[in-house]
Amino acid sequence: MRWLEQYWYRISPLHLVLWPLSLLFALAAALRRLLYRSGLLPVTRLPVPVVVVGNLSVGGTGKTPLVIWLARLLLKRGYRPGIICRGYGGIAGAPQRVSPDSDPRLAGDEAVLLARRAGCAVWVGARRAAVAQALLAAHPDCNVIISDDGLQHYALARDVELAVIDGERGFGNGMLLPAGPLREAPRRLERVAALIINGAALFPRDTLPPGAPEFEMKLSGGTFYDLLNPGERAGPERFARQHVHAVAAVGNPRRFFDHLRELGISFVAHPFPDHHAFEAADFGFAAGDTVIMTEKDAVKCERFCNEHFWALRVDAEVDPALGELMLRKIGK
């Protein structure tokens, strides 16, 4: 994220060079979308409602906590949801079930975290439609599918689209890849059922397309658990007089570091690339010091952790009106 903040979130002379490539990317994305919508490329329609949770920007916006929140909401309301995802950070190609004990090197870190927190079936694979069909075959009682990070996967028909926007970064410099962070133009969001803004909206609100209702979301949490003994919990005061290293291999590590600072924890920050495959050698800097990380990173470090490794548990706090909107949409 350090170089992205300098590149995708501002305008420089280099963007003038890359702008023609961004234009080609935009044309290719629009053509692909048109081919699916016109029926020239096949679209799979499932026998159950499909809710897609995605975003326009490359990088973390908070989709995974929102998916967990949505799955739990549906369970409370009597639905039997199932979650499908690509399994980024893993190597799964063919559809496969993910359990809380699955190897994140195979299934991906986000998928394993979802299997532990969402309370429902989680499947991964390269093709969303095939993954969803495999999940439904294995879990015939499933009556709604949640597609994690599937906004641009048009081969799978969807009934509801939710777009998550990072409140701090917004749409960056507003340009498409490679000159900017966007996969599609912001006007694409005119077609979604709802916009969920994660955190305080610091970007210009007039960059949001008209039409879709907006809902607020924030990530909260102040409880840490020991990776070696997950039943052991602690508050931020435990780390008050310790030398702490904070580790994050997520799309927006700064959000995690800011969260720790808000909890009053002093630390040395160690950002890693998103979905980084951690090994014990990555923690040579710790030398017995306390290490704090995200839940997503924790699932990758349990193989070699010690009693000094801790993870911060976070939950999405979402406007309840979003839940009511969702229930109306899938209940049609």
C-alpha atoms as a PDB file:
ATOM      1  CA  MET A   1       0.000   0.000   0.000  1.00  0.00           C
ATOM      2  CA  ARG A   2       2.922   2.387   0.552  1.00  0.00           C
ATOM      3  CA  TRP A   3       3.709   2.806  -3.132  1.00  0.00           C
ATOM      4  CA  LEU A   4       0.026   2.615  -4.092  1.00  0.00           C
ATOM      5  CA  GLU A   5      -0.686   5.626  -1.915  1.00  0.00           C
ATOM      6  CA  GLN A   6       1.953   7.514  -3.885  1.00  0.00           C
ATOM      7  CA  TYR A   7       0.760   6.280  -7.260  1.00  0.00           C
ATOM      8  CA  TRP A   8      -2.905   5.267  -7.445  1.00  0.00           C
ATOM      9  CA  TYR A   9      -4.096   7.914  -5.009  1.00  0.00           C
ATOM     10  CA  ARG A  10      -2.688  10.993  -6.700  1.00  0.00           C
ATOM     11  CA  ILE A  11      -1.967  12.356 -10.176  1.00  0.00           C
ATOM     12  CA  SER A  12       1.577  12.513 -11.561  1.00  0.00           C
ATOM     13  CA  PRO A  13       3.168  12.879 -15.011  1.00  0.00           C
ATOM     14  CA  LEU A  14       3.437   9.083 -15.200  1.00  0.00           C
ATOM     15  CA  HIS A  15      -0.355   8.870 -15.309  1.00  0.00           C
ATOM     16  CA  LEU A  16      -0.377  10.751 -18.603  1.00  0.00           C
ATOM     17  CA  VAL A  17       1.730   7.942 -20.041  1.00  0.00           C
ATOM     18  CA  LEU A  18      -0.471   5.198 -18.608  1.00  0.00           C
ATOM     19  CA  TRP A  19      -3.810   6.853 -19.368  1.00  0.00           C
ATOM     20  CA  PRO A  20      -4.100   5.266 -22.857  1.00  0.00           C
ATOM     21  CA  LEU A  21      -3.651   1.830 -21.254  1.00  0.00           C
ATOM     22  CA  SER A  22      -6.369   2.669 -18.746  1.00  0.00           C
ATOM     23  CA  LEU A  23      -8.649   3.634 -21.624  1.00  0.00           C
ATOM     24  CA  LEU A  24      -8.031   0.270 -23.280  1.00  0.00           C
ATOM     25  CA  PHE A  25      -8.712  -1.469 -19.969  1.00  0.00           C
ATOM     26  CA  ALA A  26     -11.992   0.441 -19.614  1.00  0.00           C
ATOM     27  CA  LEU A  27     -13.081  -0.495 -23.136  1.00  0.00           C
ATOM     28  CA  ALA A  28     -12.223  -4.151 -22.551  1.00  0.00           C
ATOM     29  CA  ALA A  29     -14.149  -4.196 -19.262  1.00  0.00           C
ATOM     30  CA  ALA A  30     -17.181  -2.543 -20.859  1.00  0.00           C
ATOM     31  CA  LEU A  31     -17.120  -4.954 -23.800  1.00  0.00           C
ATOM     32  CA  ARG A  32     -16.870  -7.955 -21.512  1.00  0.00           C
ATOM     33  CA  ARG A  33     -19.794  -6.714 -19.438  1.00  0.00           C
ATOM     34  CA  LEU A  34     -21.850  -6.124 -22.595  1.00  0.00           C
ATOM     35  CA  LEU A  35     -21.140  -9.622 -23.924  1.00  0.00           C
ATOM     36  CA  TYR A  36     -22.440 -11.184 -20.727  1.00  0.00           C
ATOM     37  CA  ARG A  37     -25.511  -8.969 -20.520  1.00  0.00           C
ATOM     38  CA  SER A  38     -26.410  -9.573 -24.169  1.00  0.00           C
ATOM     39  CA  GLY A  39     -26.150 -13.347 -23.753  1.00  0.00           C
ATOM     40  CA  LEU A  40     -23.214 -13.758 -26.132  1.00  0.00           C
ATOM     41  CA  LEU A  41     -21.202 -15.143 -23.220  1.00  0.00           C
ATOM     42  CA  PRO A  42     -22.894 -17.773 -21.025  1.00  0.00           C
ATOM     43  CA  VAL A  43     -24.313 -16.766 -17.652  1.00  0.00           C
ATOM     44  CA  THR A  44     -25.220 -19.364 -15.018  1.00  0.00           C
ATOM     45  CA  ARG A  45     -28.461 -18.777 -13.111  1.00  0.00           C
ATOM     46  CA  LEU A  46     -28.706 -20.652  -9.812  1.00  0.00           C
ATOM     47  CA  PRO A  47     -31.952 -21.935  -8.277  1.00  0.00           C
ATOM     48  CA  VAL A  48     -31.366 -19.806  -5.160  1.00  0.00           C
ATOM     49  CA  PRO A  49     -30.799 -16.052  -4.697  1.00  0.00           C
ATOM     50  CA  VAL A  50     -27.224 -14.826  -5.150  1.00  0.00           C
ATOM     51  CA  VAL A  51     -25.857 -11.871  -3.188  1.00  0.00           C
ATOM     52  CA  VAL A  52     -22.585 -10.448  -4.494  1.00  0.00           C
ATOM     53  CA  VAL A  53     -20.326  -8.440  -2.191  1.00  0.00           C
ATOM     54  CA  GLY A  54     -17.587  -6.615  -4.060  1.00  0.00           C
ATOM     55  CA  ASN A  55     -15.888  -3.341  -4.828  1.00  0.00           C
ATOM     56  CA  LEU A  56     -14.416  -1.338  -7.668  1.00  0.00           C
ATOM     57  CA  SER A  57     -10.986  -0.708  -6.192  1.00  0.00           C
ATOM     58  CA  VAL A  58      -7.986  -2.966  -5.983  1.00  0.00           C
ATOM     59  CA  GLY A  59      -7.043  -3.494  -2.357  1.00  0.00           C
ATOM     60  CA  GLY A  60      -8.893  -4.078   0.882  1.00  0.00           C
ATOM     61  CA  THR A  61     -12.162  -2.281   1.578  1.00  0.00           C
ATOM     62  CA  GLY A  62     -13.597  -4.474   4.350  1.00  0.00           C
ATOM     63  CA  LYS A  63     -15.553  -7.005   2.302  1.00  0.00           C
ATOM     64  CA  THR A  64     -14.706 -10.040   4.450  1.00  0.00           C
ATOM     65  CA  PRO A  65     -16.124  -8.635   7.732  1.00  0.00           C
ATOM     66  CA  LEU A  66     -19.231  -7.567   5.817  1.00  0.00           C
ATOM     67  CA  VAL A  67     -19.666 -11.072   4.372  1.00  0.00           C
ATOM     68  CA  ILE A  68     -19.408 -12.522   7.899  1.00  0.00           C
ATOM     69  CA  TRP A  69     -21.979 -10.018   9.145  1.00  0.00           C
ATOM     70  CA  LEU A  70     -24.329 -10.824   6.262  1.00  0.00           C
ATOM     71  CA  ALA A  71     -24.039 -14.593   6.732  1.00  0.00           C
ATOM     72  CA  ARG A  72     -24.812 -14.284  10.436  1.00  0.00           C
ATOM     73  CA  LEU A  73     -27.772 -12.022   9.729  1.00  0.00           C
ATOM     74  CA  LEU A  74     -29.232 -14.548   7.293  1.00  0.00           C
ATOM     75  CA  LEU A  75     -28.726 -17.378   9.776  1.00  0.00           C
ATOM     76  CA  LYS A  76     -30.557 -15.422  12.467  1.00  0.00           C
ATOM     77  CA  ARG A  77     -33.455 -14.837  10.087  1.00  0.00           C
ATOM     78  CA  GLY A  78     -33.820 -18.533   9.304  1.00  0.00           C
ATOM     79  CA  TYR A  79     -31.888 -18.718   6.030  1.00  0.00           C
ATOM     80  CA  ARG A  80     -29.227 -21.319   5.279  1.00  0.00           C
ATOM     81  CA  PRO A  81     -26.524 -19.363   3.443  1.00  0.00           C
ATOM     82  CA  GLY A  82     -23.432 -20.628   1.692  1.00  0.00           C
ATOM     83  CA  ILE A  83     -20.363 -18.566   0.777  1.00  0.00           C
ATOM     84  CA  ILE A  84     -18.284 -18.877  -2.384  1.00  0.00           C
ATOM     85  CA  CYS A  85     -14.976 -17.147  -3.023  1.00  0.00           C
ATOM     86  CA  ARG A  86     -11.932 -17.357  -5.246  1.00  0.00           C
ATOM     87  CA  GLY A  87      -9.564 -18.290  -2.459  1.00  0.00           C
ATOM     88  CA  TYR A  88      -6.955 -15.600  -3.062  1.00  0.00           C
ATOM     89  CA  GLY A  89      -3.620 -16.517  -1.581  1.00  0.00           C
ATOM     90  CA  GLY A  90      -4.350 -20.213  -2.141  1.00  0.00           C
ATOM     91  CA  ILE A  91      -3.982 -22.549  -5.090  1.00  0.00           C
ATOM     92  CA  ALA A  92      -7.441 -24.099  -5.269  1.00  0.00           C
ATOM     93  CA  GLY A  93      -8.599 -24.565  -8.855  1.00  0.00           C
ATOM     94  CA  ALA A  94     -11.402 -27.107  -8.776  1.00  0.00           C
ATOM     95  CA  PRO A  95     -14.282 -26.410  -6.363  1.00  0.00           C
ATOM     96  CA  GLN A  96     -13.548 -27.548  -2.834  1.00  0.00           C
ATOM     97  CA  ARG A  97     -15.059 -27.183   0.597  1.00  0.00           C
ATOM     98  CA  VAL A  98     -13.216 -25.097   3.172  1.00  0.00           C
ATOM     99  CA  SER A  99     -13.272 -26.081   6.832  1.00  0.00           C
ATOM    100  CA  PRO A 100     -11.985 -24.144   9.851  1.00  0.00           C
ATOM    101  CA  ASP A 101      -8.923 -26.416   9.787  1.00  0.00           C
ATOM    102  CA  SER A 102      -8.192 -26.107   6.052  1.00  0.00           C
ATOM    103  CA  ASP A 103      -4.676 -25.156   5.006  1.00  0.00           C
ATOM    104  CA  PRO A 104      -4.714 -21.483   3.932  1.00  0.00           C
ATOM    105  CA  ARG A 105      -1.878 -22.257   1.527  1.00  0.00           C
ATOM    106  CA  LEU A 106      -4.417 -24.297  -0.438  1.00  0.00           C
ATOM    107  CA  ALA A 107      -7.744 -22.602   0.246  1.00  0.00           C
ATOM    108  CA  GLY A 108      -6.611 -19.008   0.829  1.00  0.00           C
ATOM    109  CA  ASP A 109      -6.516 -16.986   4.036  1.00  0.00           C
ATOM    110  CA  GLU A 110      -9.864 -15.219   3.605  1.00  0.00           C
ATOM    111  CA  ALA A 111     -11.699 -18.479   2.898  1.00  0.00           C
ATOM    112  CA  VAL A 112     -10.351 -20.133   6.050  1.00  0.00           C
ATOM    113  CA  LEU A 113     -11.282 -17.082   8.119  1.00  0.00           C
ATOM    114  CA  LEU A 114     -14.794 -17.166   6.652  1.00  0.00           C
ATOM    115  CA  ALA A 115     -15.099 -20.869   7.481  1.00  0.00           C
ATOM    116  CA  ARG A 116     -14.227 -20.067  11.100  1.00  0.00           C
ATOM    117  CA  ARG A 117     -16.365 -16.984  11.577  1.00  0.00           C
ATOM    118  CA  ALA A 118     -19.369 -17.083   9.248  1.00  0.00           C
ATOM    119  CA  GLY A 119     -21.102 -20.190  10.616  1.00  0.00           C
ATOM    120  CA  CYS A 120     -22.026 -21.622   7.224  1.00  0.00           C
ATOM    121  CA  ALA A 121     -20.613 -23.646   4.324  1.00  0.00           C
ATOM    122  CA  VAL A 122     -17.672 -22.041   2.492  1.00  0.00           C
ATOM    123  CA  TRP A 123     -16.377 -23.252  -0.883  1.00  0.00           C
ATOM    124  CA  VAL A 124     -13.558 -21.959  -3.084  1.00  0.00           C
ATOM    125  CA  GLY A 125     -12.444 -22.431  -6.667  1.00  0.00           C
ATOM    126  CA  ALA A 126     -11.404 -20.665  -9.842  1.00  0.00           C
ATOM    127  CA  ARG A 127     -14.865 -20.458 -11.445  1.00  0.00           C
ATOM    128  CA  ARG A 128     -17.586 -18.939  -9.273  1.00  0.00           C
ATOM    129  CA  ALA A 129     -20.493 -20.594 -11.068  1.00  0.00           C
ATOM    130  CA  ALA A 130     -18.937 -24.053 -10.778  1.00  0.00           C
ATOM    131  CA  VAL A 131     -18.097 -23.438  -7.118  1.00  0.00           C
ATOM    132  CA  ALA A 132     -21.670 -22.386  -6.363  1.00  0.00           C
ATOM    133  CA  GLN A 133     -23.077 -25.450  -8.126  1.00  0.00           C
ATOM    134  CA  ALA A 134     -20.737 -27.720  -6.164  1.00  0.00           C
ATOM    135  CA  LEU A 135     -21.752 -26.066  -2.894  1.00  0.00           C
ATOM    136  CA  LEU A 136     -25.455 -26.516  -3.653  1.00  0.00           C
ATOM    137  CA  ALA A 137     -24.911 -30.158  -4.594  1.00  0.00           C
ATOM    138  CA  ALA A 138     -23.103 -30.809  -1.305  1.00  0.00           C
ATOM    139  CA  HIS A 139     -25.509 -28.704   0.782  1.00  0.00           C
ATOM    140  CA  PRO A 140     -29.004 -29.075  -0.727  1.00  0.00           C
ATOM    141  CA  ASP A 141     -30.518 -27.157   2.188  1.00  0.00           C
ATOM    142  CA  CYS A 142     -28.604 -23.988   1.227  1.00  0.00           C
ATOM    143  CA  ASN A 143     -31.119 -21.383   0.080  1.00  0.00           C
ATOM    144  CA  VAL A 144     -28.972 -18.293  -0.564  1.00  0.00           C
ATOM    145  CA  ILE A 145     -25.448 -17.877  -1.962  1.00  0.00           C
ATOM    146  CA  ILE A 146     -23.087 -15.078  -0.910  1.00  0.00           C
ATOM    147  CA  SER A 147     -20.315 -14.412  -3.432  1.00  0.00           C
ATOM    148  CA  ASP A 148     -17.319 -12.797  -1.754  1.00  0.00           C
ATOM    149  CA  ASP A 149     -15.553 -10.291  -4.031  1.00  0.00           C
ATOM    150  CA  GLY A 150     -17.576 -11.246  -7.106  1.00  0.00           C
ATOM    151  CA  LEU A 151     -18.737  -7.921  -8.535  1.00  0.00           C
ATOM    152  CA  GLN A 152     -16.844  -8.358 -11.815  1.00  0.00           C
ATOM    153  CA  HIS A 153     -17.579 -12.098 -12.219  1.00  0.00           C
ATOM    154  CA  TYR A 154     -20.472 -11.757 -14.647  1.00  0.00           C
ATOM    155  CA  ALA A 155     -20.578 -15.446 -15.555  1.00  0.00           C
ATOM    156  CA  LEU A 156     -22.650 -15.926 -12.395  1.00  0.00           C
ATOM    157  CA  ALA A 157     -26.057 -14.258 -12.394  1.00  0.00           C
ATOM    158  CA  ARG A 158     -26.830 -12.284  -9.280  1.00  0.00           C
ATOM    159  CA  ASP A 159     -29.960 -11.019  -7.586  1.00  0.00           C
ATOM    160  CA  VAL A 160     -28.362  -8.434  -5.305  1.00  0.00           C
ATOM    161  CA  GLU A 161     -25.090  -6.513  -5.575  1.00  0.00           C
ATOM    162  CA  LEU A 162     -23.456  -4.767  -2.624  1.00  0.00           C
ATOM    163  CA  ALA A 163     -20.456  -2.513  -3.225  1.00  0.00           C
ATOM    164  CA  VAL A 164     -18.054  -1.673  -0.394  1.00  0.00           C
ATOM    165  CA  ILE A 165     -16.131   1.604  -0.533  1.00  0.00           C
ATOM    166  CA  ASP A 166     -13.210   2.512   1.698  1.00  0.00           C
ATOM    167  CA  GLY A 167     -14.214   5.712   3.443  1.00  0.00           C
ATOM    168  CA  GLU A 168     -10.679   7.070   3.528  1.00  0.00           C
ATOM    169  CA  ARG A 169      -9.483   6.198   0.031  1.00  0.00           C
ATOM    170  CA  GLY A 170     -12.707   6.361  -1.960  1.00  0.00           C
ATOM    171  CA  PHE A 171     -11.956   5.894  -5.654  1.00  0.00           C
ATOM    172  CA  GLY A 172      -8.345   7.053  -5.409  1.00  0.00           C
ATOM    173  CA  ASN A 173      -7.363   9.235  -8.346  1.00  0.00           C
ATOM    174  CA  GLY A 174     -10.502   8.106 -10.184  1.00  0.00           C
ATOM    175  CA  MET A 175      -8.593   6.312 -12.932  1.00  0.00           C
ATOM    176  CA  LEU A 176      -8.835   2.704 -14.045  1.00  0.00           C
ATOM    177  CA  LEU A 177      -5.992   0.199 -14.008  1.00  0.00           C
ATOM    178  CA  PRO A 178      -3.076   0.562 -14.525  1.00  0.00           C
ATOM    179  CA  ALA A 179      -3.083   4.342 -13.968  1.00  0.00           C
ATOM    180  CA  GLY A 180      -5.462   4.079 -11.018  1.00  0.00           C
ATOM    181  CA  PRO A 181      -6.947   1.552  -8.594  1.00  0.00           C
ATOM    182  CA  LEU A 182     -10.314   1.012 -10.305  1.00  0.00           C
ATOM    183  CA  ARG A 183     -11.465  -2.156 -12.082  1.00  0.00           C
ATOM    184  CA  GLU A 184     -14.510  -0.366 -13.502  1.00  0.00           C
ATOM    185  CA  ALA A 185     -15.717   3.220 -13.687  1.00  0.00           C
ATOM    186  CA  PRO A 186     -17.659   4.586 -10.679  1.00  0.00           C
ATOM    187  CA  ARG A 187     -20.840   4.830 -12.774  1.00  0.00           C
ATOM    188  CA  ARG A 188     -20.948   1.013 -12.612  1.00  0.00           C
ATOM    189  CA  LEU A 189     -22.251   1.481  -9.064  1.00  0.00           C
ATOM    190  CA  GLU A 190     -25.491   2.982 -10.367  1.00  0.00           C
ATOM    191  CA  ARG A 191     -26.679  -0.607 -10.840  1.00  0.00           C
ATOM    192  CA  VAL A 192     -25.921  -1.978  -7.359  1.00  0.00           C
ATOM    193  CA  ALA A 193     -28.526  -2.440  -4.636  1.00  0.00           C
ATOM    194  CA  ALA A 194     -26.519  -0.592  -1.992  1.00  0.00           C
ATOM    195  CA  LEU A 195     -23.257   1.232  -1.320  1.00  0.00           C
ATOM    196  CA  ILE A 196     -21.571   0.426   1.991  1.00  0.00           C
ATOM    197  CA  ILE A 197     -19.023   3.013   3.111  1.00  0.00           C
ATOM    198  CA  ASN A 198     -16.472   1.543   5.501  1.00  0.00           C
ATOM    199  CA  GLY A 199     -15.356   4.183   7.973  1.00  0.00           C
ATOM    200  CA  ALA A 200     -15.781   7.937   7.903  1.00  0.00           C
ATOM    201  CA  ALA A 201     -16.180   9.185   4.329  1.00  0.00           C
ATOM    202  CA  LEU A 202     -13.175  11.433   3.737  1.00  0.00           C
ATOM    203  CA  PHE A 203     -13.419  11.382  -0.050  1.00  0.00           C
ATOM    204  CA  PRO A 204     -15.599  13.845  -2.049  1.00  0.00           C
ATOM    205  CA  ARG A 205     -19.169  12.550  -1.799  1.00  0.00           C
ATOM    206  CA  ASP A 206     -19.998  13.975  -5.218  1.00  0.00           C
ATOM    207  CA  THR A 207     -17.836  11.218  -6.734  1.00  0.00           C
ATOM    208  CA  LEU A 208     -20.507   8.690  -5.734  1.00  0.00           C
ATOM    209  CA  PRO A 209     -22.952   7.855  -8.521  1.00  0.00           C
ATOM    210  CA  PRO A 210     -26.599   8.723  -7.875  1.00  0.00           C
ATOM    211  CA  GLY A 211     -29.273   6.148  -7.288  1.00  0.00           C
ATOM    212  CA  ALA A 212     -28.053   3.440  -4.929  1.00  0.00           C
ATOM    213  CA  PRO A 213     -28.787   3.924  -1.212  1.00  0.00           C
ATOM    214  CA  GLU A 214     -25.784   4.451   1.063  1.00  0.00           C
ATOM    215  CA  PHE A 215     -25.141   2.697   4.374  1.00  0.00           C
ATOM    216  CA  GLU A 216     -22.456   3.202   6.991  1.00  0.00           C
ATOM    217  CA  MET A 217     -20.174   0.486   8.286  1.00  0.00           C
ATOM    218  CA  LYS A 218     -17.244   0.450  10.667  1.00  0.00           C
ATOM    219  CA  LEU A 219     -14.874  -2.190  11.978  1.00  0.00           C
ATOM    220  CA  SER A 220     -14.743  -2.501  15.747  1.00  0.00           C
ATOM    221  CA  GLY A 221     -12.875  -4.677  18.180  1.00  0.00           C
ATOM    222  CA  GLY A 222     -10.616  -4.492  21.199  1.00  0.00           C
ATOM    223  CA  THR A 223     -10.138  -8.140  22.099  1.00  0.00           C
ATOM    224  CA  PHE A 224      -7.007 -10.088  21.214  1.00  0.00           C
ATOM    225  CA  TYR A 225      -6.515 -13.849  21.238  1.00  0.00           C
ATOM    226  CA  ASP A 226      -3.366 -15.941  21.555  1.00  0.00           C
ATOM    227  CA  LEU A 227      -2.633 -17.919  18.374  1.00  0.00           C
ATOM    228  CA  LEU A 228      -1.123 -20.774  20.346  1.00  0.00           C
ATOM    229  CA  ASN A 229      -4.103 -20.890  22.716  1.00  0.00           C
ATOM    230  CA  PRO A 230      -7.101 -19.188  21.041  1.00  0.00           C
ATOM    231  CA  GLY A 231      -9.142 -19.493  24.213  1.00  0.00           C
ATOM    232  CA  GLU A 232      -6.846 -17.012  25.949  1.00  0.00           C
ATOM    233  CA  ARG A 233      -8.132 -13.477  25.437  1.00  0.00           C
ATOM    234  CA  ALA A 234      -6.731 -10.103  26.397  1.00  0.00           C
ATOM    235  CA  GLY A 235      -7.490  -6.422  26.105  1.00  0.00           C
ATOM    236  CA  PRO A 236      -5.094  -3.756  24.806  1.00  0.00           C
ATOM    237  CA  GLU A 237      -3.858  -3.023  28.326  1.00  0.00           C
ATOM    238  CA  ARG A 238      -1.930  -6.314  28.279  1.00  0.00           C
ATOM    239  CA  PHE A 239       0.517  -4.856  25.763  1.00  0.00           C
ATOM    240  CA  ALA A 240       1.014  -1.495  27.484  1.00  0.00           C
ATOM    241  CA  ARG A 241       4.583  -2.139  28.646  1.00  0.00           C
ATOM    242  CA  GLN A 242       5.674  -4.584  25.968  1.00  0.00           C
ATOM    243  CA  HIS A 243       7.743  -4.149  22.844  1.00  0.00           C
ATOM    244  CA  VAL A 244       5.196  -4.893  20.130  1.00  0.00           C
ATOM    245  CA  HIS A 245       5.546  -5.630  16.422  1.00  0.00           C
ATOM    246  CA  ALA A 246       2.357  -5.176  14.381  1.00  0.00           C
ATOM    247  CA  VAL A 247       2.130  -7.252  11.198  1.00  0.00           C
ATOM    248  CA  ALA A 248      -0.402  -6.881   8.385  1.00  0.00           C
ATOM    249  CA  ALA A 249      -0.558  -8.563   4.974  1.00  0.00           C
ATOM    250  CA  VAL A 250      -3.921  -7.128   3.964  1.00  0.00           C
ATOM    251  CA  GLY A 251      -5.135  -4.792   1.243  1.00  0.00           C
ATOM    252  CA  ASN A 252      -5.045  -1.742   3.504  1.00  0.00           C
ATOM    253  CA  PRO A 253      -2.586  -2.348   6.373  1.00  0.00           C
ATOM    254  CA  ARG A 254      -2.781   1.267   7.499  1.00  0.00           C
ATOM    255  CA  ARG A 255      -6.369   0.739   8.659  1.00  0.00           C
ATOM    256  CA  PHE A 256      -5.188  -2.064  10.942  1.00  0.00           C
ATOM    257  CA  PHE A 257      -2.291  -0.010  12.295  1.00  0.00           C
ATOM    258  CA  ASP A 258      -4.578   2.969  12.921  1.00  0.00           C
ATOM    259  CA  HIS A 259      -6.964   0.679  14.805  1.00  0.00           C
ATOM    260  CA  LEU A 260      -4.147  -0.443  17.111  1.00  0.00           C
ATOM    261  CA  ARG A 261      -3.136   3.166  17.752  1.00  0.00           C
ATOM    262  CA  GLU A 262      -6.737   4.019  18.644  1.00  0.00           C
ATOM    263  CA  LEU A 263      -6.556   1.223  21.230  1.00  0.00           C
ATOM    264  CA  GLY A 264      -3.514   2.918  22.751  1.00  0.00           C
ATOM    265  CA  ILE A 265      -0.930   0.342  21.649  1.00  0.00           C
ATOM    266  CA  SER A 266       2.588   1.430  20.693  1.00  0.00           C
ATOM    267  CA  PHE A 267       4.282  -0.765  18.109  1.00  0.00           C
ATOM    268  CA  VAL A 268       6.683  -1.122  15.215  1.00  0.00           C
ATOM    269  CA  ALA A 269       4.701  -1.538  11.979  1.00  0.00           C
ATOM    270  CA  HIS A 270       5.553  -4.277   9.470  1.00  0.00           C
ATOM    271  CA  PRO A 271       3.325  -4.099   6.369  1.00  0.00           C
ATOM    272  CA  PHE A 272       3.523  -7.023   3.935  1.00  0.00           C
ATOM    273  CA  PRO A 273       1.939  -7.535   0.492  1.00  0.00           C
ATOM    274  CA  ASP A 274      -1.702  -8.622   0.524  1.00  0.00           C
ATOM    275  CA  HIS A 275      -2.112 -12.406   0.978  1.00  0.00           C
ATOM    276  CA  HIS A 276       1.596 -12.793   1.777  1.00  0.00           C
ATOM    277  CA  ALA A 277       2.404 -16.447   2.538  1.00  0.00           C
ATOM    278  CA  PHE A 278       4.041 -16.070   5.938  1.00  0.00           C
ATOM    279  CA  GLU A 279       6.865 -18.309   7.102  1.00  0.00           C
ATOM    280  CA  ALA A 280       8.703 -18.344  10.409  1.00  0.00           C
ATOM    281  CA  ALA A 281      11.645 -16.548   8.798  1.00  0.00           C
ATOM    282  CA  ASP A 282       9.454 -13.485   8.229  1.00  0.00           C
ATOM    283  CA  PHE A 283       9.460 -12.860  11.976  1.00  0.00           C
ATOM    284  CA  GLY A 284      13.180 -12.710  12.576  1.00  0.00           C
ATOM    285  CA  PHE A 285      12.732  -9.132  13.771  1.00  0.00           C
ATOM    286  CA  ALA A 286      10.597 -10.226  16.736  1.00  0.00           C
ATOM    287  CA  ALA A 287      13.194 -12.185  18.775  1.00  0.00           C
ATOM    288  CA  GLY A 288      10.749 -13.032  21.538  1.00  0.00           C
ATOM    289  CA  ASP A 289       8.829  -9.755  21.395  1.00  0.00           C
ATOM    290  CA  THR A 290       5.055  -9.611  21.117  1.00  0.00           C
ATOM    291  CA  VAL A 291       3.610  -9.866  17.601  1.00  0.00           C
ATOM    292  CA  ILE A 292       0.091  -8.619  16.851  1.00  0.00           C
ATOM    293  CA  MET A 293      -1.604  -9.325  13.533  1.00  0.00           C
ATOM    294  CA  THR A 294      -4.958  -9.412  11.771  1.00  0.00           C
ATOM    295  CA  GLU A 295      -7.246 -12.442  11.973  1.00  0.00           C
ATOM    296  CA  LYS A 296      -6.683 -13.076   8.286  1.00  0.00           C
ATOM    297  CA  ASP A 297      -2.930 -13.239   8.796  1.00  0.00           C
ATOM    298  CA  ALA A 298      -3.286 -15.343  11.937  1.00  0.00           C
ATOM    299  CA  VAL A 299      -4.681 -18.342  10.035  1.00  0.00           C
ATOM    300  CA  LYS A 300      -1.412 -18.464   8.065  1.00  0.00           C
ATOM    301  CA  CYS A 301       0.863 -18.264  11.099  1.00  0.00           C
ATOM    302  CA  GLU A 302      -0.572 -20.962  13.339  1.00  0.00           C
ATOM    303  CA  ARG A 303       1.858 -23.547  11.928  1.00  0.00           C
ATOM    304  CA  PHE A 304       4.865 -21.876  13.531  1.00  0.00           C
ATOM    305  CA  CYS A 305       3.526 -19.415  16.107  1.00  0.00           C
ATOM    306  CA  ASN A 306       4.556 -19.221  19.743  1.00  0.00           C
ATOM    307  CA  GLU A 307       3.016 -17.758  22.886  1.00  0.00           C
ATOM    308  CA  HIS A 308       4.003 -14.240  21.796  1.00  0.00           C
ATOM    309  CA  PHE A 309       1.731 -14.213  18.720  1.00  0.00           C
ATOM    310  CA  TRP A 310      -1.631 -12.463  19.102  1.00  0.00           C
ATOM    311  CA  ALA A 311      -4.445 -11.501  16.721  1.00  0.00           C
ATOM    312  CA  LEU A 312      -7.036  -8.743  16.953  1.00  0.00           C
ATOM    313  CA  ARG A 313     -10.605  -9.882  16.441  1.00  0.00           C
ATOM    314  CA  VAL A 314     -12.765  -7.369  14.575  1.00  0.00           C
ATOM    315  CA  ASP A 315     -16.424  -7.295  13.628  1.00  0.00           C
ATOM    316  CA  ALA A 316     -18.402  -5.195  11.197  1.00  0.00           C
ATOM    317  CA  GLU A 317     -20.911  -2.788  12.687  1.00  0.00           C
ATOM    318  CA  VAL A 318     -23.427  -2.106   9.931  1.00  0.00           C
ATOM    319  CA  ASP A 319     -26.501   0.078   9.655  1.00  0.00           C
ATOM    320  CA  PRO A 320     -29.403  -2.315  10.454  1.00  0.00           C
ATOM    321  CA  ALA A 321     -31.369  -0.810   7.570  1.00  0.00           C
ATOM    322  CA  LEU A 322     -29.015  -2.613   5.180  1.00  0.00           C
ATOM    323  CA  GLY A 323     -30.103  -5.935   6.619  1.00  0.00           C
ATOM    324  CA  GLU A 324     -33.763  -5.112   6.122  1.00  0.00           C
ATOM    325  CA  LEU A 325     -33.074  -4.061   2.534  1.00  0.00           C
ATOM    326  CA  MET A 326     -31.242  -7.315   1.882  1.00  0.00           C
ATOM    327  CA  LEU A 327     -34.038  -9.441   3.319  1.00  0.00           C
ATOM    328  CA  ARG A 328     -36.594  -7.666   1.145  1.00  0.00           C
ATOM    329  CA  LYS A 329     -34.457  -8.138  -1.962  1.00  0.00           C
ATOM    330  CA  ILE A 330     -33.845 -11.866  -1.567  1.00  0.00           C
ATOM    331  CA  GLY A 331     -37.370 -12.504  -0.333  1.00  0.00           C
ATOM    332  CA  LYS A 332     -38.960 -11.378  -3.585  1.00  0.00           C
END
